[in-house]
N, C-alpha and C. Protein backbone atom coordinates (compact mmCIF):
# COMPACT_ATOMS: atom_id res chain seq x y z
N MET A 1 -9.76 -8.46 5.90
CA MET A 1 -10.79 -8.04 4.98
C MET A 1 -10.37 -6.73 4.31
N GLN A 2 -10.66 -6.62 3.05
CA GLN A 2 -10.27 -5.45 2.27
C GLN A 2 -11.21 -4.27 2.51
N PHE A 3 -10.67 -3.06 2.38
CA PHE A 3 -11.43 -1.80 2.32
C PHE A 3 -12.04 -1.34 3.64
N LYS A 4 -11.68 -1.93 4.77
CA LYS A 4 -12.23 -1.53 6.06
C LYS A 4 -11.08 -1.28 7.03
N ALA A 5 -10.92 -0.03 7.47
CA ALA A 5 -9.84 0.32 8.40
C ALA A 5 -9.89 -0.57 9.63
N LEU A 6 -8.73 -0.97 10.12
CA LEU A 6 -8.66 -1.84 11.30
C LEU A 6 -9.00 -1.10 12.58
N GLU A 7 -8.73 0.22 12.59
CA GLU A 7 -9.02 1.06 13.75
C GLU A 7 -9.47 2.43 13.28
N GLU A 8 -10.22 3.12 14.12
CA GLU A 8 -10.61 4.50 13.81
C GLU A 8 -9.44 5.43 14.09
N GLY A 9 -9.48 6.60 13.50
CA GLY A 9 -8.47 7.62 13.77
C GLY A 9 -7.18 7.45 13.00
N ILE A 10 -7.14 6.53 12.04
CA ILE A 10 -5.93 6.32 11.24
C ILE A 10 -5.97 7.26 10.04
N GLU A 11 -4.82 7.87 9.74
CA GLU A 11 -4.70 8.76 8.59
C GLU A 11 -3.53 8.33 7.71
N VAL A 12 -3.61 8.71 6.44
CA VAL A 12 -2.55 8.44 5.48
C VAL A 12 -2.07 9.77 4.94
N ASN A 13 -0.76 9.87 4.63
CA ASN A 13 -0.24 11.16 4.19
C ASN A 13 -0.57 11.44 2.73
N GLY A 14 -0.57 12.71 2.39
CA GLY A 14 -0.93 13.16 1.05
C GLY A 14 -0.02 12.62 -0.04
N GLN A 15 1.25 12.45 0.28
CA GLN A 15 2.20 11.91 -0.70
C GLN A 15 1.78 10.51 -1.14
N THR A 16 1.31 9.71 -0.20
CA THR A 16 0.86 8.35 -0.51
C THR A 16 -0.46 8.39 -1.27
N VAL A 17 -1.35 9.30 -0.89
CA VAL A 17 -2.60 9.47 -1.63
C VAL A 17 -2.29 9.84 -3.08
N TYR A 18 -1.30 10.71 -3.27
CA TYR A 18 -0.93 11.10 -4.63
C TYR A 18 -0.46 9.88 -5.43
N ALA A 19 0.23 8.95 -4.77
CA ALA A 19 0.70 7.74 -5.45
C ALA A 19 -0.48 6.96 -6.01
N PHE A 20 -1.59 6.96 -5.28
CA PHE A 20 -2.82 6.30 -5.74
C PHE A 20 -3.25 6.88 -7.08
N VAL A 21 -3.34 8.20 -7.13
CA VAL A 21 -3.80 8.88 -8.34
C VAL A 21 -2.77 8.73 -9.46
N ASP A 22 -1.51 8.93 -9.13
CA ASP A 22 -0.44 8.83 -10.13
C ASP A 22 -0.38 7.42 -10.73
N GLY A 23 -0.62 6.41 -9.90
CA GLY A 23 -0.57 5.03 -10.36
C GLY A 23 -1.68 4.67 -11.34
N MET A 24 -2.67 5.53 -11.48
CA MET A 24 -3.77 5.25 -12.40
C MET A 24 -3.43 5.61 -13.84
N GLY A 25 -2.27 6.24 -14.04
CA GLY A 25 -1.81 6.53 -15.40
C GLY A 25 -2.84 7.31 -16.20
N THR A 26 -3.29 6.73 -17.32
CA THR A 26 -4.23 7.42 -18.20
C THR A 26 -5.60 7.60 -17.56
N PHE A 27 -5.84 6.90 -16.44
CA PHE A 27 -7.11 7.04 -15.72
C PHE A 27 -6.98 8.00 -14.53
N LYS A 28 -5.94 8.83 -14.56
CA LYS A 28 -5.64 9.73 -13.45
C LYS A 28 -6.84 10.61 -13.07
N SER A 29 -7.54 11.14 -14.05
CA SER A 29 -8.68 12.02 -13.74
C SER A 29 -9.79 11.24 -13.03
N LEU A 30 -9.90 9.95 -13.34
CA LEU A 30 -10.87 9.11 -12.65
C LEU A 30 -10.46 8.93 -11.19
N GLY A 31 -9.17 8.75 -10.94
CA GLY A 31 -8.66 8.65 -9.57
C GLY A 31 -8.93 9.92 -8.79
N GLU A 32 -8.73 11.06 -9.43
CA GLU A 32 -9.00 12.34 -8.78
C GLU A 32 -10.48 12.45 -8.41
N LYS A 33 -11.33 11.99 -9.32
CA LYS A 33 -12.77 12.01 -9.07
C LYS A 33 -13.11 11.15 -7.85
N TYR A 34 -12.57 9.92 -7.80
CA TYR A 34 -12.85 9.02 -6.67
C TYR A 34 -12.34 9.60 -5.36
N MET A 35 -11.17 10.22 -5.39
CA MET A 35 -10.63 10.81 -4.17
C MET A 35 -11.50 11.96 -3.70
N SER A 36 -11.91 12.82 -4.61
CA SER A 36 -12.75 13.95 -4.19
C SER A 36 -14.11 13.47 -3.69
N GLU A 37 -14.66 12.43 -4.31
CA GLU A 37 -15.93 11.88 -3.84
C GLU A 37 -15.80 11.25 -2.46
N ALA A 38 -14.60 10.75 -2.14
CA ALA A 38 -14.35 10.15 -0.83
C ALA A 38 -14.01 11.21 0.22
N GLY A 39 -13.94 12.48 -0.20
CA GLY A 39 -13.66 13.56 0.75
C GLY A 39 -12.19 13.92 0.85
N ILE A 40 -11.39 13.43 -0.09
CA ILE A 40 -9.96 13.77 -0.10
C ILE A 40 -9.73 14.78 -1.21
N GLY A 41 -9.56 16.02 -0.82
CA GLY A 41 -9.42 17.09 -1.79
C GLY A 41 -10.75 17.40 -2.45
N LYS A 42 -10.70 18.22 -3.48
CA LYS A 42 -11.93 18.58 -4.20
C LYS A 42 -11.58 18.94 -5.64
N ILE A 43 -12.56 18.80 -6.49
CA ILE A 43 -12.40 19.21 -7.89
C ILE A 43 -12.86 20.65 -7.99
N LYS A 44 -11.98 21.51 -8.48
CA LYS A 44 -12.32 22.93 -8.65
C LYS A 44 -11.83 23.35 -10.03
N ASN A 45 -12.76 23.87 -10.82
CA ASN A 45 -12.44 24.28 -12.20
C ASN A 45 -11.76 23.15 -12.98
N GLY A 46 -12.25 21.93 -12.77
CA GLY A 46 -11.72 20.78 -13.51
C GLY A 46 -10.41 20.23 -12.99
N ARG A 47 -9.88 20.79 -11.91
CA ARG A 47 -8.61 20.33 -11.34
C ARG A 47 -8.84 19.80 -9.94
N TRP A 48 -8.11 18.74 -9.62
CA TRP A 48 -8.16 18.16 -8.28
C TRP A 48 -7.23 18.94 -7.39
N ILE A 49 -7.74 19.49 -6.32
CA ILE A 49 -6.96 20.29 -5.38
C ILE A 49 -6.88 19.53 -4.06
N PHE A 50 -5.66 19.27 -3.62
CA PHE A 50 -5.47 18.65 -2.31
C PHE A 50 -4.08 19.00 -1.80
N ASP A 51 -3.84 18.77 -0.53
CA ASP A 51 -2.56 19.12 0.10
C ASP A 51 -1.65 17.89 0.13
N MET A 52 -0.60 17.92 -0.67
CA MET A 52 0.35 16.81 -0.73
C MET A 52 0.99 16.56 0.64
N ASN A 53 1.08 17.58 1.47
CA ASN A 53 1.68 17.44 2.80
C ASN A 53 0.64 17.20 3.89
N GLY A 54 -0.61 17.10 3.49
CA GLY A 54 -1.69 16.90 4.46
C GLY A 54 -1.85 15.44 4.85
N TRP A 55 -2.77 15.21 5.76
CA TRP A 55 -3.10 13.85 6.23
C TRP A 55 -4.60 13.64 6.03
N TYR A 56 -4.97 12.46 5.59
CA TYR A 56 -6.35 12.18 5.23
C TYR A 56 -6.83 10.89 5.88
N PRO A 57 -8.13 10.80 6.19
CA PRO A 57 -8.65 9.60 6.85
C PRO A 57 -8.41 8.35 6.00
N GLN A 58 -7.84 7.34 6.63
CA GLN A 58 -7.56 6.10 5.92
C GLN A 58 -8.85 5.50 5.34
N GLN A 59 -9.94 5.58 6.09
CA GLN A 59 -11.17 4.97 5.59
C GLN A 59 -11.65 5.66 4.31
N ALA A 60 -11.47 6.97 4.21
CA ALA A 60 -11.85 7.68 2.98
C ALA A 60 -11.01 7.16 1.81
N TRP A 61 -9.72 6.97 2.05
CA TRP A 61 -8.82 6.45 1.01
C TRP A 61 -9.25 5.04 0.61
N LEU A 62 -9.58 4.23 1.60
CA LEU A 62 -10.05 2.86 1.32
C LEU A 62 -11.36 2.88 0.54
N ASP A 63 -12.22 3.86 0.81
CA ASP A 63 -13.46 3.99 0.04
C ASP A 63 -13.15 4.26 -1.43
N GLY A 64 -12.11 5.06 -1.68
CA GLY A 64 -11.67 5.30 -3.06
C GLY A 64 -11.19 4.02 -3.71
N PHE A 65 -10.43 3.21 -2.97
CA PHE A 65 -9.99 1.90 -3.48
C PHE A 65 -11.18 1.02 -3.84
N ALA A 66 -12.17 1.00 -2.96
CA ALA A 66 -13.35 0.15 -3.19
C ALA A 66 -14.08 0.58 -4.47
N ALA A 67 -14.19 1.89 -4.69
CA ALA A 67 -14.85 2.38 -5.90
C ALA A 67 -14.07 1.97 -7.14
N ILE A 68 -12.76 2.08 -7.09
CA ILE A 68 -11.91 1.66 -8.22
C ILE A 68 -12.10 0.17 -8.48
N ALA A 69 -12.09 -0.62 -7.42
CA ALA A 69 -12.25 -2.08 -7.57
C ALA A 69 -13.56 -2.42 -8.25
N ARG A 70 -14.63 -1.74 -7.83
CA ARG A 70 -15.95 -2.00 -8.40
C ARG A 70 -16.05 -1.57 -9.86
N GLU A 71 -15.51 -0.40 -10.15
CA GLU A 71 -15.76 0.20 -11.46
C GLU A 71 -14.67 -0.03 -12.48
N VAL A 72 -13.43 -0.25 -12.04
CA VAL A 72 -12.34 -0.40 -13.00
C VAL A 72 -11.71 -1.79 -12.92
N GLY A 73 -11.54 -2.33 -11.71
CA GLY A 73 -11.05 -3.69 -11.58
C GLY A 73 -9.66 -3.80 -10.97
N ASP A 74 -9.24 -5.06 -10.82
CA ASP A 74 -8.00 -5.38 -10.13
C ASP A 74 -6.74 -4.91 -10.86
N GLY A 75 -6.76 -4.88 -12.18
CA GLY A 75 -5.56 -4.49 -12.93
C GLY A 75 -5.05 -3.12 -12.51
N ILE A 76 -5.95 -2.18 -12.35
CA ILE A 76 -5.54 -0.83 -11.97
C ILE A 76 -5.09 -0.79 -10.51
N LEU A 77 -5.68 -1.63 -9.64
CA LEU A 77 -5.24 -1.67 -8.24
C LEU A 77 -3.81 -2.17 -8.15
N TYR A 78 -3.46 -3.15 -8.97
CA TYR A 78 -2.07 -3.64 -9.01
C TYR A 78 -1.15 -2.50 -9.44
N ARG A 79 -1.54 -1.80 -10.47
CA ARG A 79 -0.73 -0.70 -11.01
C ARG A 79 -0.54 0.40 -9.97
N ILE A 80 -1.60 0.71 -9.22
CA ILE A 80 -1.50 1.72 -8.16
C ILE A 80 -0.50 1.25 -7.10
N GLY A 81 -0.61 -0.01 -6.68
CA GLY A 81 0.34 -0.56 -5.71
C GLY A 81 1.76 -0.48 -6.22
N TYR A 82 1.95 -0.79 -7.48
CA TYR A 82 3.28 -0.77 -8.08
C TYR A 82 3.88 0.64 -8.05
N ALA A 83 3.03 1.67 -8.10
CA ALA A 83 3.49 3.07 -8.09
C ALA A 83 3.84 3.57 -6.69
N ILE A 84 3.36 2.91 -5.66
CA ILE A 84 3.57 3.41 -4.29
C ILE A 84 5.04 3.61 -3.95
N PRO A 85 5.94 2.63 -4.17
CA PRO A 85 7.33 2.86 -3.79
C PRO A 85 8.01 4.03 -4.50
N SER A 86 7.49 4.44 -5.64
CA SER A 86 8.08 5.58 -6.36
C SER A 86 7.63 6.91 -5.77
N ASN A 87 6.58 6.90 -4.99
CA ASN A 87 6.02 8.15 -4.48
C ASN A 87 6.03 8.27 -2.96
N ALA A 88 5.85 7.17 -2.25
CA ALA A 88 5.77 7.21 -0.78
C ALA A 88 7.17 7.23 -0.16
N GLU A 89 7.21 7.63 1.09
CA GLU A 89 8.48 7.68 1.82
C GLU A 89 8.90 6.28 2.26
N PHE A 90 10.14 5.89 1.91
CA PHE A 90 10.70 4.60 2.29
C PHE A 90 11.99 4.82 3.06
N PRO A 91 12.39 3.86 3.90
CA PRO A 91 13.63 4.01 4.66
C PRO A 91 14.85 4.05 3.74
N SER A 92 15.88 4.74 4.18
CA SER A 92 17.09 4.90 3.36
C SER A 92 18.00 3.67 3.40
N TRP A 93 17.78 2.74 4.32
CA TRP A 93 18.69 1.60 4.48
C TRP A 93 18.41 0.44 3.53
N VAL A 94 17.49 0.59 2.61
CA VAL A 94 17.19 -0.48 1.66
C VAL A 94 18.36 -0.64 0.70
N ALA A 95 18.90 -1.88 0.62
CA ALA A 95 20.09 -2.11 -0.21
C ALA A 95 20.03 -3.38 -1.03
N ASP A 96 19.10 -4.28 -0.73
CA ASP A 96 19.03 -5.55 -1.45
C ASP A 96 17.61 -6.10 -1.35
N MET A 97 17.40 -7.27 -1.94
CA MET A 97 16.07 -7.87 -1.96
C MET A 97 15.48 -8.02 -0.55
N HIS A 98 16.26 -8.55 0.36
CA HIS A 98 15.75 -8.83 1.71
C HIS A 98 15.38 -7.54 2.45
N SER A 99 16.27 -6.56 2.39
CA SER A 99 15.94 -5.30 3.08
C SER A 99 14.79 -4.57 2.38
N ALA A 100 14.66 -4.76 1.08
CA ALA A 100 13.55 -4.13 0.34
C ALA A 100 12.20 -4.66 0.82
N ILE A 101 12.10 -5.97 0.97
CA ILE A 101 10.83 -6.56 1.41
C ILE A 101 10.57 -6.23 2.88
N LYS A 102 11.61 -6.23 3.71
CA LYS A 102 11.45 -5.85 5.12
C LYS A 102 11.00 -4.39 5.24
N ALA A 103 11.51 -3.54 4.36
CA ALA A 103 11.24 -2.10 4.43
C ALA A 103 9.79 -1.75 4.13
N ILE A 104 9.08 -2.63 3.45
CA ILE A 104 7.68 -2.32 3.11
C ILE A 104 6.87 -2.06 4.37
N ASP A 105 7.07 -2.89 5.39
CA ASP A 105 6.31 -2.71 6.64
C ASP A 105 6.68 -1.41 7.33
N VAL A 106 7.97 -1.08 7.33
CA VAL A 106 8.41 0.18 7.95
C VAL A 106 7.82 1.36 7.19
N ALA A 107 7.92 1.33 5.86
CA ALA A 107 7.37 2.42 5.05
C ALA A 107 5.87 2.55 5.25
N TYR A 108 5.21 1.43 5.33
CA TYR A 108 3.76 1.42 5.57
C TYR A 108 3.44 2.21 6.84
N HIS A 109 4.19 1.97 7.88
CA HIS A 109 3.95 2.65 9.15
C HIS A 109 4.41 4.12 9.13
N ILE A 110 5.47 4.42 8.39
CA ILE A 110 5.93 5.81 8.25
C ILE A 110 4.84 6.67 7.62
N ASN A 111 4.12 6.12 6.66
CA ASN A 111 3.17 6.88 5.87
C ASN A 111 1.75 6.89 6.43
N HIS A 112 1.59 6.37 7.64
CA HIS A 112 0.30 6.40 8.33
C HIS A 112 0.50 6.98 9.73
N ARG A 113 -0.55 7.53 10.27
CA ARG A 113 -0.48 8.01 11.65
C ARG A 113 -1.82 7.78 12.33
N LYS A 114 -1.77 7.83 13.66
CA LYS A 114 -2.96 7.64 14.48
C LYS A 114 -2.98 8.75 15.53
N ASN A 115 -4.09 9.44 15.60
CA ASN A 115 -4.23 10.55 16.55
C ASN A 115 -3.06 11.53 16.45
N GLY A 116 -2.64 11.79 15.19
CA GLY A 116 -1.59 12.76 14.94
C GLY A 116 -0.17 12.26 15.12
N ILE A 117 0.02 11.00 15.46
CA ILE A 117 1.36 10.45 15.69
C ILE A 117 1.67 9.41 14.62
N ARG A 118 2.81 9.61 13.92
CA ARG A 118 3.23 8.62 12.91
C ARG A 118 3.39 7.26 13.57
N LEU A 119 3.08 6.22 12.82
CA LEU A 119 3.09 4.87 13.38
C LEU A 119 4.46 4.21 13.34
N PHE A 120 5.48 4.97 12.95
CA PHE A 120 6.85 4.48 13.07
C PHE A 120 7.67 5.60 13.66
N ASP A 121 8.31 5.32 14.79
CA ASP A 121 9.19 6.29 15.45
C ASP A 121 10.61 6.04 14.94
N GLU A 122 11.09 6.95 14.09
CA GLU A 122 12.40 6.76 13.47
C GLU A 122 13.54 6.82 14.48
N THR A 123 13.36 7.53 15.57
CA THR A 123 14.41 7.64 16.57
C THR A 123 14.63 6.31 17.30
N SER A 124 13.55 5.68 17.71
CA SER A 124 13.66 4.43 18.47
C SER A 124 13.51 3.19 17.59
N GLY A 125 13.01 3.37 16.36
CA GLY A 125 12.76 2.22 15.49
C GLY A 125 11.52 1.43 15.89
N THR A 126 10.64 2.06 16.66
CA THR A 126 9.46 1.39 17.18
C THR A 126 8.26 1.58 16.25
N ILE A 127 7.55 0.49 16.02
CA ILE A 127 6.30 0.53 15.26
C ILE A 127 5.14 0.60 16.23
N ILE A 128 4.22 1.51 15.97
CA ILE A 128 2.99 1.62 16.76
C ILE A 128 1.91 0.84 16.00
N GLU A 129 1.19 0.02 16.70
CA GLU A 129 0.18 -0.85 16.08
C GLU A 129 -1.08 -0.08 15.68
N GLY A 130 -1.88 -0.70 14.82
CA GLY A 130 -3.16 -0.12 14.46
C GLY A 130 -3.54 -0.30 13.00
N ILE A 131 -2.56 -0.71 12.15
CA ILE A 131 -2.87 -0.81 10.72
C ILE A 131 -2.48 -2.16 10.12
N GLY A 132 -2.01 -3.08 10.94
CA GLY A 132 -1.56 -4.37 10.42
C GLY A 132 -0.12 -4.30 9.94
N HIS A 133 0.29 -5.30 9.16
CA HIS A 133 1.69 -5.40 8.75
C HIS A 133 1.86 -6.02 7.37
N TYR A 134 3.07 -5.84 6.85
CA TYR A 134 3.57 -6.59 5.70
C TYR A 134 4.69 -7.46 6.25
N GLY A 135 4.53 -8.76 6.17
CA GLY A 135 5.49 -9.66 6.78
C GLY A 135 6.70 -9.95 5.92
N TYR A 136 7.70 -10.54 6.57
CA TYR A 136 8.93 -10.97 5.89
C TYR A 136 9.39 -12.26 6.53
N GLU A 137 9.57 -13.29 5.72
CA GLU A 137 10.14 -14.55 6.18
C GLU A 137 10.98 -15.14 5.05
N GLN A 138 12.27 -15.24 5.30
CA GLN A 138 13.16 -15.84 4.30
C GLN A 138 13.02 -17.35 4.37
N ILE A 139 12.87 -18.00 3.22
CA ILE A 139 12.81 -19.45 3.17
C ILE A 139 14.25 -19.95 3.02
N PRO A 140 14.77 -20.69 4.01
CA PRO A 140 16.17 -21.10 4.00
C PRO A 140 16.58 -21.88 2.74
N GLY A 141 17.77 -21.53 2.23
CA GLY A 141 18.36 -22.26 1.11
C GLY A 141 17.76 -21.93 -0.25
N LYS A 142 16.86 -20.96 -0.31
CA LYS A 142 16.22 -20.62 -1.58
C LYS A 142 16.17 -19.11 -1.75
N ASN A 143 16.08 -18.68 -3.00
CA ASN A 143 15.80 -17.27 -3.28
C ASN A 143 14.28 -17.10 -3.23
N LEU A 144 13.77 -17.19 -2.01
CA LEU A 144 12.33 -17.17 -1.80
C LEU A 144 12.01 -16.48 -0.47
N ILE A 145 11.07 -15.55 -0.53
CA ILE A 145 10.60 -14.83 0.65
C ILE A 145 9.08 -15.00 0.72
N ARG A 146 8.59 -15.23 1.93
CA ARG A 146 7.14 -15.27 2.17
C ARG A 146 6.77 -13.98 2.88
N SER A 147 5.75 -13.30 2.37
CA SER A 147 5.27 -12.07 3.00
C SER A 147 3.77 -12.22 3.25
N VAL A 148 3.40 -12.21 4.52
CA VAL A 148 2.00 -12.29 4.90
C VAL A 148 1.51 -10.88 5.22
N SER A 149 0.49 -10.45 4.49
CA SER A 149 -0.07 -9.11 4.67
C SER A 149 -1.36 -9.21 5.46
N ASN A 150 -1.43 -8.47 6.54
CA ASN A 150 -2.69 -8.35 7.29
C ASN A 150 -3.00 -6.88 7.48
N ASN A 151 -3.57 -6.30 6.45
CA ASN A 151 -3.92 -4.89 6.46
C ASN A 151 -5.22 -4.71 5.69
N PRO A 152 -5.79 -3.51 5.68
CA PRO A 152 -7.10 -3.34 5.03
C PRO A 152 -7.04 -3.02 3.54
N TYR A 153 -5.87 -3.08 2.94
CA TYR A 153 -5.75 -2.72 1.53
C TYR A 153 -6.07 -3.92 0.64
N PRO A 154 -6.39 -3.66 -0.63
CA PRO A 154 -6.72 -4.77 -1.53
C PRO A 154 -5.53 -5.69 -1.76
N CYS A 155 -5.83 -6.94 -1.82
CA CYS A 155 -4.82 -7.99 -2.03
C CYS A 155 -3.94 -7.68 -3.25
N VAL A 156 -4.54 -7.36 -4.36
CA VAL A 156 -3.78 -7.14 -5.59
C VAL A 156 -2.93 -5.86 -5.51
N PHE A 157 -3.38 -4.88 -4.75
CA PHE A 157 -2.59 -3.67 -4.49
C PHE A 157 -1.31 -4.04 -3.75
N ASP A 158 -1.44 -4.90 -2.74
CA ASP A 158 -0.26 -5.35 -2.00
C ASP A 158 0.72 -6.08 -2.91
N ARG A 159 0.20 -6.92 -3.80
CA ARG A 159 1.09 -7.63 -4.73
C ARG A 159 1.84 -6.63 -5.59
N GLY A 160 1.21 -5.51 -5.96
CA GLY A 160 1.87 -4.47 -6.74
C GLY A 160 3.01 -3.82 -5.97
N ILE A 161 2.78 -3.50 -4.70
CA ILE A 161 3.84 -2.89 -3.88
C ILE A 161 5.02 -3.85 -3.73
N ILE A 162 4.72 -5.08 -3.38
CA ILE A 162 5.79 -6.07 -3.16
C ILE A 162 6.55 -6.31 -4.46
N SER A 163 5.85 -6.37 -5.58
CA SER A 163 6.50 -6.57 -6.88
C SER A 163 7.43 -5.42 -7.22
N ALA A 164 6.98 -4.18 -7.01
CA ALA A 164 7.82 -3.03 -7.31
C ALA A 164 9.09 -3.04 -6.50
N MET A 165 8.99 -3.34 -5.21
CA MET A 165 10.18 -3.38 -4.37
C MET A 165 11.10 -4.53 -4.76
N ALA A 166 10.55 -5.69 -5.02
CA ALA A 166 11.37 -6.85 -5.40
C ALA A 166 12.08 -6.61 -6.72
N GLN A 167 11.40 -6.03 -7.69
CA GLN A 167 11.99 -5.84 -9.01
C GLN A 167 13.02 -4.73 -9.05
N ARG A 168 13.11 -3.93 -8.02
CA ARG A 168 14.20 -2.96 -7.92
C ARG A 168 15.54 -3.66 -7.76
N TYR A 169 15.51 -4.83 -7.14
CA TYR A 169 16.76 -5.54 -6.81
C TYR A 169 16.96 -6.82 -7.60
N ALA A 170 15.94 -7.25 -8.31
CA ALA A 170 16.05 -8.40 -9.22
C ALA A 170 14.96 -8.21 -10.27
N ALA A 171 15.37 -7.71 -11.44
CA ALA A 171 14.39 -7.36 -12.48
C ALA A 171 13.46 -8.51 -12.82
N ALA A 172 13.95 -9.74 -12.69
CA ALA A 172 13.14 -10.91 -13.05
C ALA A 172 12.36 -11.47 -11.86
N ALA A 173 12.35 -10.75 -10.74
CA ALA A 173 11.63 -11.24 -9.56
C ALA A 173 10.15 -11.45 -9.89
N ILE A 174 9.60 -12.49 -9.30
CA ILE A 174 8.19 -12.82 -9.50
C ILE A 174 7.52 -12.84 -8.13
N VAL A 175 6.36 -12.20 -8.05
CA VAL A 175 5.56 -12.19 -6.82
C VAL A 175 4.21 -12.81 -7.14
N VAL A 176 3.89 -13.87 -6.43
CA VAL A 176 2.60 -14.53 -6.64
C VAL A 176 1.84 -14.61 -5.33
N HIS A 177 0.53 -14.61 -5.45
CA HIS A 177 -0.34 -14.81 -4.30
C HIS A 177 -0.38 -16.31 -4.04
N ASP A 178 -0.17 -16.72 -2.81
CA ASP A 178 -0.23 -18.15 -2.45
C ASP A 178 -1.69 -18.53 -2.28
N ASP A 179 -2.24 -19.12 -3.34
CA ASP A 179 -3.67 -19.44 -3.34
C ASP A 179 -4.04 -20.59 -2.40
N SER A 180 -3.04 -21.25 -1.83
CA SER A 180 -3.34 -22.31 -0.86
C SER A 180 -3.62 -21.72 0.52
N LYS A 181 -3.41 -20.42 0.67
CA LYS A 181 -3.63 -19.73 1.95
C LYS A 181 -4.88 -18.85 1.86
N PRO A 182 -5.38 -18.37 3.02
CA PRO A 182 -6.55 -17.48 3.02
C PRO A 182 -6.28 -16.20 2.22
N CYS A 183 -7.36 -15.52 1.84
CA CYS A 183 -7.25 -14.29 1.06
C CYS A 183 -8.25 -13.25 1.58
N ARG A 184 -7.80 -12.02 1.74
CA ARG A 184 -8.66 -10.93 2.20
C ARG A 184 -9.79 -10.66 1.21
N LYS A 185 -9.55 -10.95 -0.06
CA LYS A 185 -10.59 -10.74 -1.07
C LYS A 185 -11.81 -11.63 -0.77
N ASN A 186 -11.56 -12.74 -0.07
CA ASN A 186 -12.63 -13.67 0.30
C ASN A 186 -13.05 -13.53 1.76
N GLY A 187 -12.68 -12.39 2.39
CA GLY A 187 -13.09 -12.12 3.76
C GLY A 187 -12.09 -12.52 4.83
N ALA A 188 -10.95 -13.10 4.45
CA ALA A 188 -9.93 -13.49 5.43
C ALA A 188 -9.20 -12.25 5.96
N GLU A 189 -8.40 -12.43 6.99
CA GLU A 189 -7.64 -11.33 7.58
C GLU A 189 -6.28 -11.15 6.95
N THR A 190 -5.79 -12.16 6.21
CA THR A 190 -4.44 -12.09 5.64
C THR A 190 -4.43 -12.59 4.20
N CYS A 191 -3.36 -12.19 3.51
CA CYS A 191 -2.99 -12.74 2.21
C CYS A 191 -1.51 -13.09 2.30
N THR A 192 -1.11 -14.14 1.59
CA THR A 192 0.29 -14.57 1.61
C THR A 192 0.85 -14.46 0.19
N PHE A 193 2.02 -13.84 0.11
CA PHE A 193 2.70 -13.64 -1.18
C PHE A 193 4.05 -14.33 -1.13
N LEU A 194 4.44 -14.91 -2.26
CA LEU A 194 5.75 -15.54 -2.40
C LEU A 194 6.56 -14.76 -3.39
N VAL A 195 7.76 -14.34 -2.97
CA VAL A 195 8.67 -13.57 -3.80
C VAL A 195 9.82 -14.49 -4.18
N SER A 196 10.01 -14.72 -5.48
CA SER A 196 11.14 -15.56 -5.93
C SER A 196 11.96 -14.79 -6.95
N TRP A 197 13.24 -15.12 -7.00
CA TRP A 197 14.15 -14.45 -7.95
C TRP A 197 15.34 -15.34 -8.25
């Protein structure tokens, strides 16, 4: 289901929050307004003030997403998702389409923490649970990857992230939502995306 944190105590880093606002392009001031209304930073003298190195409650960030969805629509959520890889921290080992799609889950966990601990331990390569995942499954014999997302973010936002990563390694890559599968927009726990190139 979209917009509802899977667990309490989850936080997202300021760099990723900034990607949300930056991804709104000409609607950036509207994003700043939604973030401040959700308790992330504040508007002072017409400027949004927040700590890029800080950590913020995931549910507050999700509340900002929900407001955008209600008032602006899915197009901007896709655009915000597409901006995430340009702003959030990603692993350095990404080198091709397959590693790019696999890296989304690692980056997702790097940029979130629970009770002050990042959800990806870079030393051991261990993921700590609590926020769901971005899946990776190569379809044999085809330039096709299936990615099942089970996280609290909007479906169309996830398609934006996956599209941005895929198009880094194949400009003509196409990412579609598999409408034959369940969708978080309709209350399901997962969404399935197909990446072809």
